[in-house]
Amino acid sequence: MRKNKNLLFFIISALIFIIVKFVYQTLSNDDLFLILYPTAKFVALFVGSPIEYFANSGFYFREFNIIINKSCSGVNFALLCYIMTAFIV
């Protein structure tokens, strides 16, 4: 009986992971603004450089010539932590 409960939990966890990963792939930088803004603001405060937001590109730091965009959002890391925790528990 315990195996069946664990199997159901693993299947639900894997489905949540797959659905969130699929939805994340379809989102643009504009859709992830609320996730990207705190990261960009923290970096701006840390390095003392102003930030500029460009639609479909992300947050740009002219002084360092870097862009904080979808790849820096941390969603993949959060998903990886979620699925690892789900399978450990």
C-alpha atoms as a PDB file:
ATOM      1  CA  MET A   1       0.000   0.000   0.000  1.00  0.00           C
ATOM      2  CA  ARG A   2       2.828   2.409   0.828  1.00  0.00           C
ATOM      3  CA  LYS A   3       4.366   1.887  -2.614  1.00  0.00           C
ATOM      4  CA  ASN A   4       1.162   3.016  -4.312  1.00  0.00           C
ATOM      5  CA  LYS A   5       1.054   6.248  -2.284  1.00  0.00           C
ATOM      6  CA  ASN A   6       4.684   7.013  -3.105  1.00  0.00           C
ATOM      7  CA  LEU A   7       4.159   6.240  -6.771  1.00  0.00           C
ATOM      8  CA  LEU A   8       1.204   8.625  -6.951  1.00  0.00           C
ATOM      9  CA  PHE A   9       3.253  11.349  -5.228  1.00  0.00           C
ATOM     10  CA  PHE A  10       6.145  10.849  -7.676  1.00  0.00           C
ATOM     11  CA  ILE A  11       3.844  10.946 -10.689  1.00  0.00           C
ATOM     12  CA  ILE A  12       2.131  14.137  -9.493  1.00  0.00           C
ATOM     13  CA  SER A  13       5.514  15.756  -8.752  1.00  0.00           C
ATOM     14  CA  ALA A  14       6.845  14.824 -12.185  1.00  0.00           C
ATOM     15  CA  LEU A  15       3.701  16.168 -13.883  1.00  0.00           C
ATOM     16  CA  ILE A  16       3.989  19.476 -12.021  1.00  0.00           C
ATOM     17  CA  PHE A  17       7.651  19.699 -13.046  1.00  0.00           C
ATOM     18  CA  ILE A  18       6.859  19.002 -16.713  1.00  0.00           C
ATOM     19  CA  ILE A  19       3.942  21.452 -16.833  1.00  0.00           C
ATOM     20  CA  VAL A  20       5.887  24.289 -15.196  1.00  0.00           C
ATOM     21  CA  LYS A  21       8.912  23.620 -17.424  1.00  0.00           C
ATOM     22  CA  PHE A  22       6.711  23.703 -20.542  1.00  0.00           C
ATOM     23  CA  VAL A  23       4.976  26.927 -19.478  1.00  0.00           C
ATOM     24  CA  TYR A  24       8.341  28.525 -18.612  1.00  0.00           C
ATOM     25  CA  GLN A  25       9.681  27.784 -22.089  1.00  0.00           C
ATOM     26  CA  THR A  26       6.792  29.684 -23.664  1.00  0.00           C
ATOM     27  CA  LEU A  27       7.246  32.814 -21.514  1.00  0.00           C
ATOM     28  CA  SER A  28       9.157  35.872 -22.683  1.00  0.00           C
ATOM     29  CA  ASN A  29      11.303  38.295 -20.689  1.00  0.00           C
ATOM     30  CA  ASP A  30       8.311  40.608 -20.406  1.00  0.00           C
ATOM     31  CA  ASP A  31       6.272  37.811 -18.830  1.00  0.00           C
ATOM     32  CA  LEU A  32       9.044  37.185 -16.288  1.00  0.00           C
ATOM     33  CA  PHE A  33       9.387  40.848 -15.295  1.00  0.00           C
ATOM     34  CA  LEU A  34       8.332  40.214 -11.685  1.00  0.00           C
ATOM     35  CA  ILE A  35      10.982  37.520 -11.327  1.00  0.00           C
ATOM     36  CA  LEU A  36      13.759  39.401 -13.121  1.00  0.00           C
ATOM     37  CA  TYR A  37      13.265  42.826 -11.531  1.00  0.00           C
ATOM     38  CA  PRO A  38      14.365  41.921  -7.968  1.00  0.00           C
ATOM     39  CA  THR A  39      17.505  40.247  -9.320  1.00  0.00           C
ATOM     40  CA  ALA A  40      18.350  43.242 -11.491  1.00  0.00           C
ATOM     41  CA  LYS A  41      17.637  45.666  -8.642  1.00  0.00           C
ATOM     42  CA  PHE A  42      19.897  43.710  -6.266  1.00  0.00           C
ATOM     43  CA  VAL A  43      22.723  43.682  -8.815  1.00  0.00           C
ATOM     44  CA  ALA A  44      22.242  47.410  -9.437  1.00  0.00           C
ATOM     45  CA  LEU A  45      22.483  48.145  -5.720  1.00  0.00           C
ATOM     46  CA  PHE A  46      25.490  45.858  -5.321  1.00  0.00           C
ATOM     47  CA  VAL A  47      27.552  47.270  -8.198  1.00  0.00           C
ATOM     48  CA  GLY A  48      26.178  50.824  -8.086  1.00  0.00           C
ATOM     49  CA  SER A  49      25.241  50.872 -11.745  1.00  0.00           C
ATOM     50  CA  PRO A  50      21.948  52.093 -13.232  1.00  0.00           C
ATOM     51  CA  ILE A  51      19.738  49.601 -15.028  1.00  0.00           C
ATOM     52  CA  GLU A  52      17.730  49.992 -18.198  1.00  0.00           C
ATOM     53  CA  TYR A  53      14.842  47.756 -19.196  1.00  0.00           C
ATOM     54  CA  PHE A  54      14.445  46.810 -22.839  1.00  0.00           C
ATOM     55  CA  ALA A  55      11.313  44.975 -23.954  1.00  0.00           C
ATOM     56  CA  ASN A  56      12.051  41.417 -25.095  1.00  0.00           C
ATOM     57  CA  SER A  57      15.703  41.761 -24.019  1.00  0.00           C
ATOM     58  CA  GLY A  58      15.698  42.213 -20.269  1.00  0.00           C
ATOM     59  CA  PHE A  59      17.591  44.464 -17.888  1.00  0.00           C
ATOM     60  CA  TYR A  60      20.745  45.996 -19.319  1.00  0.00           C
ATOM     61  CA  PHE A  61      23.750  47.286 -17.385  1.00  0.00           C
ATOM     62  CA  ARG A  62      25.493  49.657 -19.781  1.00  0.00           C
ATOM     63  CA  GLU A  63      28.606  50.033 -17.616  1.00  0.00           C
ATOM     64  CA  PHE A  64      29.317  46.291 -17.625  1.00  0.00           C
ATOM     65  CA  ASN A  65      27.638  45.423 -20.935  1.00  0.00           C
ATOM     66  CA  ILE A  66      25.563  42.621 -19.398  1.00  0.00           C
ATOM     67  CA  ILE A  67      21.906  41.707 -19.694  1.00  0.00           C
ATOM     68  CA  ILE A  68      19.809  39.984 -17.047  1.00  0.00           C
ATOM     69  CA  ASN A  69      17.177  38.083 -18.982  1.00  0.00           C
ATOM     70  CA  LYS A  70      15.199  34.850 -18.909  1.00  0.00           C
ATOM     71  CA  SER A  71      18.307  32.700 -18.536  1.00  0.00           C
ATOM     72  CA  CYS A  72      19.138  34.483 -15.251  1.00  0.00           C
ATOM     73  CA  SER A  73      15.692  34.143 -13.691  1.00  0.00           C
ATOM     74  CA  GLY A  74      16.476  31.112 -11.534  1.00  0.00           C
ATOM     75  CA  VAL A  75      13.355  29.224 -12.563  1.00  0.00           C
ATOM     76  CA  ASN A  76      15.336  26.233 -13.831  1.00  0.00           C
ATOM     77  CA  PHE A  77      17.260  26.119 -10.543  1.00  0.00           C
ATOM     78  CA  ALA A  78      14.024  26.323  -8.539  1.00  0.00           C
ATOM     79  CA  LEU A  79      12.488  23.520 -10.607  1.00  0.00           C
ATOM     80  CA  LEU A  80      15.562  21.364 -10.118  1.00  0.00           C
ATOM     81  CA  CYS A  81      15.429  21.953  -6.354  1.00  0.00           C
ATOM     82  CA  TYR A  82      11.724  21.134  -6.332  1.00  0.00           C
ATOM     83  CA  ILE A  83      12.062  17.833  -8.156  1.00  0.00           C
ATOM     84  CA  MET A  84      15.096  16.763  -6.113  1.00  0.00           C
ATOM     85  CA  THR A  85      13.284  17.551  -2.862  1.00  0.00           C
ATOM     86  CA  ALA A  86      10.177  15.721  -4.036  1.00  0.00           C
ATOM     87  CA  PHE A  87      12.131  12.557  -4.789  1.00  0.00           C
ATOM     88  CA  ILE A  88      14.187  12.726  -1.571  1.00  0.00           C
ATOM     89  CA  VAL A  89      11.117  13.116   0.626  1.00  0.00           C
END
